[in-house]
Amino acid sequence: MCHILGSQLPSFTPMEKSKVKGSIDFISINHYSSLYVKDCTHIACSLGGDHPIRGFLLTLGEKDGIPIGDQTGVPRFFVVPEGMEKIIDYIKMRYHNLRMFVTENGYSSPQKQDVKLNDFLHDFNRIEFHKAYLAVLLRAIRKGADVRGYFIWSLMDNFEWVNGYGTRFGLHYVDFHTLERIPKVLC
């Protein structure tokens, strides 16, 4: 990493290093999807890449024309439960099985025109999403991962940073005109 980012990395004094070393209590994981990653360290994949690390990697939602998983309501989010299991397994190995919490994991249905309220409320894809992710989480725990909690994003539909009110992750449907909240079938 040092040869790629160079002076962009922060520097620490020996005293700061000693204070930071071993000071972490737990690791939080926000996981919504997984993507394929192409290494562009030595050969540019595309001008500037698609990631803040200035062209050193390219993230893709498909390989050889085949999507990594089912599409969700967020264009670059796919249903890939095994990705969360791999991350948990990696953190378990890399950080000596430090306590972990899955602090965000959620599903938004693909956007469709003229969706009826009943379709929002009976969102069975959301149920299948969480069943699949909880199954791989249980498998990781049975393999010894010290996972202490799992939190669904979100309790209710809300304003999402990139997509505004158009993306609905909530367990409760919110009518943004009346602010009425209605539980979805997952509840």
N, C-alpha and C. Protein backbone atom coordinates (compact mmCIF):
# COMPACT_ATOMS: atom_id res chain seq x y z
N MET A 1 0.83 -1.19 0.00
CA MET A 1 0.00 0.00 0.00
C MET A 1 0.87 1.25 0.00
N CYS A 2 1.98 1.20 0.71
CA CYS A 2 2.85 2.38 0.79
C CYS A 2 3.37 2.79 -0.58
N HIS A 3 3.73 1.80 -1.43
CA HIS A 3 4.27 2.17 -2.74
C HIS A 3 3.18 2.70 -3.67
N ILE A 4 1.91 2.39 -3.41
CA ILE A 4 0.82 2.89 -4.24
C ILE A 4 0.38 4.28 -3.78
N LEU A 5 0.15 4.44 -2.49
CA LEU A 5 -0.40 5.70 -1.98
C LEU A 5 0.65 6.68 -1.50
N GLY A 6 1.83 6.18 -1.18
CA GLY A 6 2.94 7.06 -0.81
C GLY A 6 2.61 8.09 0.24
N SER A 7 2.84 9.36 -0.08
CA SER A 7 2.69 10.45 0.89
C SER A 7 1.23 10.73 1.25
N GLN A 8 0.28 10.10 0.56
CA GLN A 8 -1.13 10.30 0.91
C GLN A 8 -1.50 9.59 2.21
N LEU A 9 -0.70 8.62 2.61
CA LEU A 9 -0.96 7.92 3.86
C LEU A 9 -0.53 8.79 5.04
N PRO A 10 -1.26 8.72 6.14
CA PRO A 10 -0.85 9.49 7.32
C PRO A 10 0.41 8.88 7.93
N SER A 11 1.16 9.69 8.65
CA SER A 11 2.33 9.18 9.36
C SER A 11 2.05 9.25 10.86
N PHE A 12 2.63 8.31 11.59
CA PHE A 12 2.43 8.24 13.03
C PHE A 12 3.78 8.26 13.74
N THR A 13 3.83 8.89 14.87
CA THR A 13 5.04 8.86 15.70
C THR A 13 5.09 7.50 16.38
N PRO A 14 6.26 7.10 16.89
CA PRO A 14 6.34 5.83 17.62
C PRO A 14 5.36 5.78 18.80
N MET A 15 5.16 6.90 19.49
CA MET A 15 4.23 6.92 20.62
C MET A 15 2.79 6.71 20.13
N GLU A 16 2.43 7.37 19.03
CA GLU A 16 1.08 7.19 18.47
C GLU A 16 0.86 5.74 18.04
N LYS A 17 1.87 5.14 17.44
CA LYS A 17 1.77 3.74 17.02
C LYS A 17 1.54 2.83 18.22
N SER A 18 2.23 3.08 19.32
CA SER A 18 2.06 2.23 20.50
C SER A 18 0.68 2.40 21.12
N LYS A 19 0.12 3.61 21.05
CA LYS A 19 -1.22 3.84 21.58
C LYS A 19 -2.30 3.15 20.74
N VAL A 20 -2.11 3.15 19.43
CA VAL A 20 -3.11 2.59 18.52
C VAL A 20 -3.05 1.06 18.47
N LYS A 21 -1.86 0.50 18.55
CA LYS A 21 -1.68 -0.94 18.41
C LYS A 21 -2.50 -1.70 19.46
N GLY A 22 -3.36 -2.58 18.98
CA GLY A 22 -4.16 -3.42 19.87
C GLY A 22 -5.30 -2.69 20.56
N SER A 23 -5.65 -1.50 20.12
CA SER A 23 -6.66 -0.71 20.83
C SER A 23 -8.08 -0.93 20.33
N ILE A 24 -8.27 -1.73 19.31
CA ILE A 24 -9.60 -1.91 18.74
C ILE A 24 -10.41 -2.90 19.59
N ASP A 25 -11.67 -2.56 19.84
CA ASP A 25 -12.55 -3.41 20.65
C ASP A 25 -13.39 -4.35 19.80
N PHE A 26 -13.83 -3.89 18.65
CA PHE A 26 -14.65 -4.71 17.76
C PHE A 26 -14.60 -4.11 16.36
N ILE A 27 -15.07 -4.89 15.40
CA ILE A 27 -15.13 -4.43 14.01
C ILE A 27 -16.58 -4.42 13.57
N SER A 28 -17.00 -3.32 12.97
CA SER A 28 -18.35 -3.19 12.41
C SER A 28 -18.28 -3.43 10.91
N ILE A 29 -19.25 -4.17 10.40
CA ILE A 29 -19.30 -4.50 8.98
C ILE A 29 -20.61 -3.97 8.41
N ASN A 30 -20.53 -3.12 7.41
CA ASN A 30 -21.70 -2.71 6.64
C ASN A 30 -21.61 -3.45 5.32
N HIS A 31 -22.53 -4.37 5.08
CA HIS A 31 -22.45 -5.18 3.86
C HIS A 31 -23.79 -5.21 3.15
N TYR A 32 -23.80 -4.74 1.93
CA TYR A 32 -25.00 -4.74 1.10
C TYR A 32 -24.83 -5.61 -0.14
N SER A 33 -23.61 -5.76 -0.62
CA SER A 33 -23.38 -6.44 -1.88
C SER A 33 -21.91 -6.80 -2.01
N SER A 34 -21.60 -7.53 -3.06
CA SER A 34 -20.22 -7.83 -3.43
C SER A 34 -20.06 -7.56 -4.91
N LEU A 35 -18.84 -7.27 -5.31
CA LEU A 35 -18.52 -7.03 -6.71
C LEU A 35 -17.24 -7.77 -7.06
N TYR A 36 -17.05 -8.02 -8.34
CA TYR A 36 -15.76 -8.51 -8.80
C TYR A 36 -14.80 -7.33 -8.82
N VAL A 37 -13.53 -7.59 -8.55
CA VAL A 37 -12.52 -6.54 -8.55
C VAL A 37 -11.39 -6.95 -9.48
N LYS A 38 -11.00 -6.03 -10.35
CA LYS A 38 -9.88 -6.27 -11.26
C LYS A 38 -8.71 -5.40 -10.83
N ASP A 39 -7.54 -6.01 -10.71
CA ASP A 39 -6.33 -5.30 -10.31
C ASP A 39 -5.81 -4.47 -11.48
N CYS A 40 -5.68 -3.19 -11.27
CA CYS A 40 -5.18 -2.28 -12.32
C CYS A 40 -3.90 -1.59 -11.87
N THR A 41 -3.17 -2.23 -10.96
CA THR A 41 -1.97 -1.61 -10.41
C THR A 41 -0.92 -1.36 -11.48
N HIS A 42 -0.72 -2.34 -12.35
CA HIS A 42 0.36 -2.23 -13.33
C HIS A 42 -0.13 -1.91 -14.74
N ILE A 43 -1.39 -2.23 -15.03
CA ILE A 43 -1.97 -1.93 -16.34
C ILE A 43 -3.31 -1.25 -16.10
N ALA A 44 -3.50 -0.08 -16.68
CA ALA A 44 -4.75 0.66 -16.47
C ALA A 44 -5.92 -0.11 -17.07
N CYS A 45 -6.98 -0.27 -16.28
CA CYS A 45 -8.21 -0.91 -16.77
C CYS A 45 -9.02 0.09 -17.59
N SER A 46 -9.09 1.29 -17.09
CA SER A 46 -9.75 2.38 -17.79
C SER A 46 -9.17 3.66 -17.22
N LEU A 47 -9.22 4.71 -17.97
CA LEU A 47 -8.63 5.97 -17.53
C LEU A 47 -9.23 6.40 -16.19
N GLY A 48 -8.42 6.44 -15.17
CA GLY A 48 -8.88 6.88 -13.85
C GLY A 48 -9.57 5.81 -13.04
N GLY A 49 -9.86 4.65 -13.62
CA GLY A 49 -10.55 3.60 -12.89
C GLY A 49 -11.93 4.06 -12.45
N ASP A 50 -12.52 3.33 -11.53
CA ASP A 50 -13.85 3.70 -11.04
C ASP A 50 -13.84 3.81 -9.53
N HIS A 51 -12.69 3.98 -8.95
CA HIS A 51 -12.56 3.95 -7.50
C HIS A 51 -11.63 5.08 -7.05
N PRO A 52 -11.85 5.59 -5.86
CA PRO A 52 -11.00 6.69 -5.38
C PRO A 52 -9.51 6.39 -5.35
N ILE A 53 -9.12 5.12 -5.35
CA ILE A 53 -7.70 4.80 -5.34
C ILE A 53 -7.17 4.94 -6.77
N ARG A 54 -7.53 6.02 -7.39
CA ARG A 54 -7.02 6.52 -8.67
C ARG A 54 -6.60 5.46 -9.68
N GLY A 55 -7.53 4.62 -10.07
CA GLY A 55 -7.27 3.71 -11.17
C GLY A 55 -6.53 2.44 -10.82
N PHE A 56 -6.34 2.13 -9.55
CA PHE A 56 -5.62 0.92 -9.20
C PHE A 56 -6.52 -0.31 -9.18
N LEU A 57 -7.83 -0.11 -9.27
CA LEU A 57 -8.73 -1.24 -9.35
C LEU A 57 -9.99 -0.85 -10.10
N LEU A 58 -10.66 -1.87 -10.60
CA LEU A 58 -11.92 -1.69 -11.32
C LEU A 58 -12.92 -2.65 -10.70
N THR A 59 -14.08 -2.15 -10.29
CA THR A 59 -15.11 -3.02 -9.72
C THR A 59 -16.18 -3.27 -10.77
N LEU A 60 -16.62 -4.52 -10.84
CA LEU A 60 -17.58 -4.94 -11.86
C LEU A 60 -18.68 -5.79 -11.23
N GLY A 61 -19.89 -5.63 -11.72
CA GLY A 61 -21.02 -6.43 -11.25
C GLY A 61 -21.27 -7.67 -12.08
N GLU A 62 -20.44 -7.88 -13.08
CA GLU A 62 -20.60 -9.07 -13.91
C GLU A 62 -19.24 -9.56 -14.39
N LYS A 63 -19.22 -10.83 -14.77
CA LYS A 63 -18.00 -11.43 -15.30
C LYS A 63 -18.42 -12.28 -16.50
N ASP A 64 -17.81 -12.04 -17.63
CA ASP A 64 -18.16 -12.73 -18.88
C ASP A 64 -19.65 -12.60 -19.19
N GLY A 65 -20.22 -11.43 -18.88
CA GLY A 65 -21.62 -11.16 -19.17
C GLY A 65 -22.61 -11.74 -18.18
N ILE A 66 -22.12 -12.39 -17.13
CA ILE A 66 -23.00 -13.02 -16.14
C ILE A 66 -22.95 -12.19 -14.86
N PRO A 67 -24.10 -11.68 -14.39
CA PRO A 67 -24.12 -10.88 -13.16
C PRO A 67 -23.65 -11.70 -11.95
N ILE A 68 -23.03 -11.04 -11.00
CA ILE A 68 -22.53 -11.70 -9.80
C ILE A 68 -23.68 -12.21 -8.93
N GLY A 69 -24.85 -11.61 -9.07
CA GLY A 69 -26.03 -12.02 -8.30
C GLY A 69 -27.25 -11.29 -8.83
N ASP A 70 -28.39 -11.50 -8.19
CA ASP A 70 -29.61 -10.81 -8.60
C ASP A 70 -29.49 -9.32 -8.33
N GLN A 71 -30.02 -8.52 -9.22
CA GLN A 71 -30.00 -7.06 -9.09
C GLN A 71 -30.95 -6.61 -7.98
N THR A 72 -30.58 -5.56 -7.27
CA THR A 72 -31.44 -4.95 -6.26
C THR A 72 -31.90 -3.58 -6.78
N GLY A 73 -32.45 -2.77 -5.90
CA GLY A 73 -32.91 -1.45 -6.28
C GLY A 73 -31.80 -0.42 -6.39
N VAL A 74 -30.59 -0.79 -6.04
CA VAL A 74 -29.43 0.10 -6.17
C VAL A 74 -28.59 -0.47 -7.32
N PRO A 75 -28.31 0.32 -8.35
CA PRO A 75 -27.68 -0.21 -9.56
C PRO A 75 -26.43 -1.05 -9.35
N ARG A 76 -25.59 -0.73 -8.40
CA ARG A 76 -24.36 -1.51 -8.21
C ARG A 76 -24.44 -2.47 -7.03
N PHE A 77 -25.65 -2.75 -6.56
CA PHE A 77 -25.83 -3.71 -5.47
C PHE A 77 -26.48 -4.97 -6.03
N PHE A 78 -25.89 -6.11 -5.71
CA PHE A 78 -26.40 -7.41 -6.13
C PHE A 78 -26.56 -8.28 -4.88
N VAL A 79 -27.40 -9.30 -4.99
CA VAL A 79 -27.60 -10.23 -3.88
C VAL A 79 -26.48 -11.27 -3.95
N VAL A 80 -25.52 -11.19 -3.01
CA VAL A 80 -24.37 -12.08 -2.99
C VAL A 80 -24.06 -12.45 -1.53
N PRO A 81 -24.88 -13.32 -0.92
CA PRO A 81 -24.67 -13.64 0.49
C PRO A 81 -23.27 -14.19 0.79
N GLU A 82 -22.73 -14.99 -0.12
CA GLU A 82 -21.41 -15.59 0.10
C GLU A 82 -20.34 -14.52 0.29
N GLY A 83 -20.56 -13.34 -0.27
CA GLY A 83 -19.60 -12.25 -0.11
C GLY A 83 -19.47 -11.83 1.34
N MET A 84 -20.60 -11.78 2.06
CA MET A 84 -20.53 -11.41 3.47
C MET A 84 -19.80 -12.49 4.27
N GLU A 85 -20.06 -13.75 3.95
CA GLU A 85 -19.37 -14.83 4.64
C GLU A 85 -17.86 -14.75 4.41
N LYS A 86 -17.45 -14.45 3.19
CA LYS A 86 -16.02 -14.34 2.89
C LYS A 86 -15.37 -13.18 3.66
N ILE A 87 -16.09 -12.07 3.77
CA ILE A 87 -15.56 -10.94 4.53
C ILE A 87 -15.41 -11.30 6.00
N ILE A 88 -16.42 -11.94 6.56
CA ILE A 88 -16.35 -12.34 7.97
C ILE A 88 -15.22 -13.33 8.19
N ASP A 89 -15.08 -14.31 7.29
CA ASP A 89 -13.98 -15.28 7.40
C ASP A 89 -12.62 -14.57 7.32
N TYR A 90 -12.50 -13.60 6.43
CA TYR A 90 -11.24 -12.87 6.29
C TYR A 90 -10.93 -12.07 7.55
N ILE A 91 -11.92 -11.35 8.07
CA ILE A 91 -11.70 -10.55 9.28
C ILE A 91 -11.36 -11.46 10.45
N LYS A 92 -12.02 -12.61 10.54
CA LYS A 92 -11.72 -13.59 11.59
C LYS A 92 -10.24 -13.99 11.54
N MET A 93 -9.75 -14.28 10.34
CA MET A 93 -8.37 -14.71 10.18
C MET A 93 -7.40 -13.54 10.37
N ARG A 94 -7.66 -12.42 9.72
CA ARG A 94 -6.73 -11.30 9.70
C ARG A 94 -6.60 -10.60 11.05
N TYR A 95 -7.70 -10.51 11.78
CA TYR A 95 -7.71 -9.77 13.04
C TYR A 95 -7.92 -10.69 14.24
N HIS A 96 -7.52 -11.94 14.11
CA HIS A 96 -7.51 -12.90 15.22
C HIS A 96 -8.88 -13.03 15.88
N ASN A 97 -9.91 -13.11 15.05
CA ASN A 97 -11.28 -13.32 15.50
C ASN A 97 -11.75 -12.29 16.51
N LEU A 98 -11.44 -11.05 16.24
CA LEU A 98 -11.94 -9.94 17.05
C LEU A 98 -13.46 -9.91 16.95
N ARG A 99 -14.12 -9.45 18.01
CA ARG A 99 -15.59 -9.36 17.99
C ARG A 99 -16.05 -8.56 16.77
N MET A 100 -17.13 -9.04 16.14
CA MET A 100 -17.68 -8.38 14.95
C MET A 100 -19.17 -8.14 15.14
N PHE A 101 -19.64 -7.06 14.52
CA PHE A 101 -21.06 -6.76 14.43
C PHE A 101 -21.36 -6.43 12.97
N VAL A 102 -22.39 -7.06 12.41
CA VAL A 102 -22.87 -6.64 11.10
C VAL A 102 -23.83 -5.50 11.40
N THR A 103 -23.36 -4.27 11.20
CA THR A 103 -24.11 -3.09 11.62
C THR A 103 -25.07 -2.58 10.55
N GLU A 104 -24.88 -3.00 9.31
CA GLU A 104 -25.84 -2.67 8.25
C GLU A 104 -25.85 -3.78 7.23
N ASN A 105 -27.04 -4.28 6.92
CA ASN A 105 -27.25 -5.23 5.84
C ASN A 105 -28.70 -5.05 5.41
N GLY A 106 -28.92 -4.73 4.15
CA GLY A 106 -30.28 -4.45 3.74
C GLY A 106 -30.52 -4.65 2.27
N TYR A 107 -31.81 -4.64 1.92
CA TYR A 107 -32.26 -4.91 0.56
C TYR A 107 -33.26 -3.86 0.12
N SER A 108 -33.10 -3.42 -1.10
CA SER A 108 -34.06 -2.53 -1.74
C SER A 108 -34.50 -3.20 -3.04
N SER A 109 -35.81 -3.31 -3.23
CA SER A 109 -36.33 -3.96 -4.44
C SER A 109 -35.97 -3.16 -5.69
N PRO A 110 -35.76 -3.86 -6.81
CA PRO A 110 -35.53 -3.14 -8.07
C PRO A 110 -36.68 -2.18 -8.36
N GLN A 111 -36.34 -1.01 -8.88
CA GLN A 111 -37.35 0.02 -9.15
C GLN A 111 -38.20 -0.37 -10.35
N LYS A 112 -39.51 -0.25 -10.19
CA LYS A 112 -40.45 -0.52 -11.28
C LYS A 112 -41.42 0.63 -11.36
N GLN A 113 -41.96 0.84 -12.55
CA GLN A 113 -42.97 1.89 -12.73
C GLN A 113 -44.31 1.40 -12.18
N ASP A 114 -45.10 2.33 -11.68
CA ASP A 114 -46.47 2.05 -11.22
C ASP A 114 -46.55 0.91 -10.21
N VAL A 115 -45.69 0.92 -9.21
CA VAL A 115 -45.74 -0.10 -8.17
C VAL A 115 -46.89 0.21 -7.23
N LYS A 116 -47.68 -0.79 -6.93
CA LYS A 116 -48.81 -0.64 -6.02
C LYS A 116 -48.33 -0.82 -4.58
N LEU A 117 -49.05 -0.21 -3.65
CA LEU A 117 -48.70 -0.31 -2.23
C LEU A 117 -48.60 -1.77 -1.81
N ASN A 118 -49.51 -2.61 -2.27
CA ASN A 118 -49.51 -4.02 -1.90
C ASN A 118 -48.19 -4.70 -2.30
N ASP A 119 -47.63 -4.29 -3.44
CA ASP A 119 -46.34 -4.85 -3.88
C ASP A 119 -45.21 -4.44 -2.94
N PHE A 120 -45.23 -3.21 -2.47
CA PHE A 120 -44.22 -2.76 -1.50
C PHE A 120 -44.34 -3.56 -0.20
N LEU A 121 -45.56 -3.80 0.24
CA LEU A 121 -45.79 -4.46 1.53
C LEU A 121 -45.50 -5.95 1.47
N HIS A 122 -45.73 -6.58 0.33
CA HIS A 122 -45.50 -8.02 0.17
C HIS A 122 -44.25 -8.26 -0.66
N ASP A 123 -43.15 -7.80 -0.13
CA ASP A 123 -41.85 -7.84 -0.80
C ASP A 123 -41.13 -9.12 -0.38
N PHE A 124 -41.46 -10.22 -1.04
CA PHE A 124 -40.90 -11.52 -0.66
C PHE A 124 -39.42 -11.64 -1.02
N ASN A 125 -38.94 -10.86 -1.98
CA ASN A 125 -37.51 -10.86 -2.28
C ASN A 125 -36.69 -10.38 -1.08
N ARG A 126 -37.24 -9.45 -0.32
CA ARG A 126 -36.57 -8.95 0.89
C ARG A 126 -36.43 -10.09 1.91
N ILE A 127 -37.47 -10.88 2.05
CA ILE A 127 -37.43 -12.01 2.98
C ILE A 127 -36.35 -12.99 2.55
N GLU A 128 -36.34 -13.33 1.26
CA GLU A 128 -35.34 -14.27 0.75
C GLU A 128 -33.92 -13.72 0.91
N PHE A 129 -33.74 -12.42 0.70
CA PHE A 129 -32.45 -11.78 0.89
C PHE A 129 -31.95 -12.00 2.32
N HIS A 130 -32.78 -11.65 3.30
CA HIS A 130 -32.34 -11.75 4.69
C HIS A 130 -32.17 -13.21 5.13
N LYS A 131 -33.02 -14.10 4.64
CA LYS A 131 -32.84 -15.53 4.96
C LYS A 131 -31.48 -16.01 4.45
N ALA A 132 -31.14 -15.63 3.22
CA ALA A 132 -29.88 -16.07 2.63
C ALA A 132 -28.68 -15.49 3.38
N TYR A 133 -28.74 -14.21 3.72
CA TYR A 133 -27.63 -13.59 4.44
C TYR A 133 -27.51 -14.13 5.86
N LEU A 134 -28.63 -14.36 6.52
CA LEU A 134 -28.57 -14.93 7.87
C LEU A 134 -28.05 -16.37 7.84
N ALA A 135 -28.36 -17.12 6.79
CA ALA A 135 -27.85 -18.49 6.66
C ALA A 135 -26.33 -18.51 6.56
N VAL A 136 -25.75 -17.62 5.74
CA VAL A 136 -24.29 -17.60 5.63
C VAL A 136 -23.65 -17.03 6.90
N LEU A 137 -24.35 -16.12 7.56
CA LEU A 137 -23.84 -15.60 8.83
C LEU A 137 -23.79 -16.71 9.87
N LEU A 138 -24.85 -17.53 9.93
CA LEU A 138 -24.86 -18.66 10.85
C LEU A 138 -23.74 -19.64 10.53
N ARG A 139 -23.50 -19.87 9.25
CA ARG A 139 -22.42 -20.77 8.85
C ARG A 139 -21.07 -20.23 9.31
N ALA A 140 -20.85 -18.92 9.16
CA ALA A 140 -19.59 -18.31 9.61
C ALA A 140 -19.45 -18.42 11.13
N ILE A 141 -20.54 -18.23 11.85
CA ILE A 141 -20.51 -18.35 13.32
C ILE A 141 -20.19 -19.79 13.71
N ARG A 142 -20.79 -20.75 13.03
CA ARG A 142 -20.52 -22.17 13.33
C ARG A 142 -19.08 -22.55 13.04
N LYS A 143 -18.43 -21.80 12.12
CA LYS A 143 -17.01 -22.02 11.84
C LYS A 143 -16.13 -21.28 12.84
N GLY A 144 -16.76 -20.60 13.81
CA GLY A 144 -16.00 -19.98 14.88
C GLY A 144 -15.93 -18.47 14.86
N ALA A 145 -16.53 -17.79 13.90
CA ALA A 145 -16.48 -16.33 13.86
C ALA A 145 -17.22 -15.74 15.05
N ASP A 146 -16.60 -14.77 15.69
CA ASP A 146 -17.17 -14.14 16.89
C ASP A 146 -18.06 -12.96 16.48
N VAL A 147 -19.22 -13.29 15.91
CA VAL A 147 -20.18 -12.26 15.48
C VAL A 147 -21.18 -12.07 16.60
N ARG A 148 -21.28 -10.84 17.10
CA ARG A 148 -22.11 -10.55 18.27
C ARG A 148 -23.46 -9.94 17.94
N GLY A 149 -23.64 -9.45 16.70
CA GLY A 149 -24.91 -8.82 16.36
C GLY A 149 -25.09 -8.66 14.87
N TYR A 150 -26.36 -8.54 14.47
CA TYR A 150 -26.74 -8.36 13.06
C TYR A 150 -27.87 -7.34 13.04
N PHE A 151 -27.68 -6.25 12.31
CA PHE A 151 -28.67 -5.18 12.25
C PHE A 151 -29.11 -4.96 10.81
N ILE A 152 -30.43 -5.01 10.61
CA ILE A 152 -31.00 -4.79 9.29
C ILE A 152 -31.09 -3.29 9.04
N TRP A 153 -30.71 -2.89 7.82
CA TRP A 153 -30.93 -1.52 7.38
C TRP A 153 -32.17 -1.54 6.51
N SER A 154 -33.17 -0.94 6.87
CA SER A 154 -33.41 0.03 7.91
C SER A 154 -34.77 -0.27 8.53
N LEU A 155 -35.04 0.28 9.69
CA LEU A 155 -36.33 0.07 10.33
C LEU A 155 -37.46 0.55 9.44
N MET A 156 -37.27 1.70 8.81
CA MET A 156 -38.31 2.23 7.91
C MET A 156 -37.66 2.88 6.70
N ASP A 157 -38.44 3.00 5.63
CA ASP A 157 -37.95 3.70 4.45
C ASP A 157 -37.51 5.09 4.86
N ASN A 158 -36.42 5.56 4.28
CA ASN A 158 -35.89 6.87 4.66
C ASN A 158 -35.24 7.55 3.47
N PHE A 159 -34.58 8.64 3.72
CA PHE A 159 -33.83 9.36 2.69
C PHE A 159 -32.46 8.73 2.58
N GLU A 160 -32.17 8.12 1.44
CA GLU A 160 -30.87 7.51 1.21
C GLU A 160 -29.96 8.55 0.56
N TRP A 161 -28.69 8.59 0.97
CA TRP A 161 -27.76 9.64 0.56
C TRP A 161 -27.69 9.82 -0.94
N VAL A 162 -27.57 8.76 -1.69
CA VAL A 162 -27.38 8.90 -3.13
C VAL A 162 -28.72 8.92 -3.88
N ASN A 163 -29.67 8.12 -3.45
CA ASN A 163 -30.91 7.92 -4.21
C ASN A 163 -32.13 8.61 -3.62
N GLY A 164 -31.97 9.40 -2.58
CA GLY A 164 -33.10 10.12 -2.00
C GLY A 164 -34.18 9.18 -1.50
N TYR A 165 -35.44 9.54 -1.76
CA TYR A 165 -36.57 8.74 -1.29
C TYR A 165 -36.94 7.62 -2.25
N GLY A 166 -36.25 7.50 -3.36
CA GLY A 166 -36.59 6.50 -4.37
C GLY A 166 -36.16 5.09 -4.05
N THR A 167 -35.23 4.91 -3.14
CA THR A 167 -34.74 3.60 -2.76
C THR A 167 -35.29 3.26 -1.39
N ARG A 168 -35.96 2.11 -1.29
CA ARG A 168 -36.65 1.74 -0.05
C ARG A 168 -36.01 0.51 0.58
N PHE A 169 -35.28 0.72 1.67
CA PHE A 169 -34.66 -0.37 2.41
C PHE A 169 -35.48 -0.79 3.62
N GLY A 170 -36.49 -0.03 3.99
CA GLY A 170 -37.16 -0.19 5.27
C GLY A 170 -37.96 -1.46 5.47
N LEU A 171 -38.04 -1.87 6.74
CA LEU A 171 -38.94 -2.95 7.14
C LEU A 171 -40.37 -2.43 7.22
N HIS A 172 -40.51 -1.12 7.29
CA HIS A 172 -41.81 -0.46 7.28
C HIS A 172 -41.86 0.48 6.08
N TYR A 173 -42.95 0.39 5.33
CA TYR A 173 -43.19 1.30 4.22
C TYR A 173 -43.57 2.66 4.79
N VAL A 174 -43.02 3.73 4.21
CA VAL A 174 -43.37 5.08 4.63
C VAL A 174 -43.99 5.80 3.44
N ASP A 175 -45.20 6.33 3.66
CA ASP A 175 -45.82 7.22 2.67
C ASP A 175 -45.22 8.59 2.94
N PHE A 176 -44.37 9.07 2.05
CA PHE A 176 -43.64 10.31 2.31
C PHE A 176 -44.51 11.56 2.21
N HIS A 177 -45.76 11.41 1.77
CA HIS A 177 -46.68 12.56 1.75
C HIS A 177 -47.43 12.69 3.07
N THR A 178 -47.86 11.54 3.63
CA THR A 178 -48.63 11.57 4.88
C THR A 178 -47.79 11.17 6.09
N LEU A 179 -46.61 10.58 5.84
CA LEU A 179 -45.70 10.03 6.85
C LEU A 179 -46.26 8.80 7.57
N GLU A 180 -47.34 8.21 7.02
CA GLU A 180 -47.88 6.97 7.58
C GLU A 180 -46.85 5.86 7.40
N ARG A 181 -46.70 5.02 8.42
CA ARG A 181 -45.78 3.89 8.37
C ARG A 181 -46.60 2.61 8.42
N ILE A 182 -46.29 1.69 7.50
CA ILE A 182 -47.02 0.43 7.42
C ILE A 182 -46.00 -0.70 7.40
N PRO A 183 -46.13 -1.68 8.33
CA PRO A 183 -45.18 -2.80 8.34
C PRO A 183 -45.24 -3.60 7.04
N LYS A 184 -44.07 -3.99 6.54
CA LYS A 184 -44.00 -4.88 5.39
C LYS A 184 -44.11 -6.32 5.90
N VAL A 185 -44.33 -7.26 5.00
CA VAL A 185 -44.58 -8.64 5.37
C VAL A 185 -43.42 -9.24 6.18
N LEU A 186 -42.21 -8.78 6.01
CA LEU A 186 -41.06 -9.29 6.77
C LEU A 186 -41.22 -9.07 8.26
N CYS A 187 -41.96 -8.03 8.64
CA CYS A 187 -42.16 -7.75 10.07
C CYS A 187 -43.09 -8.77 10.68
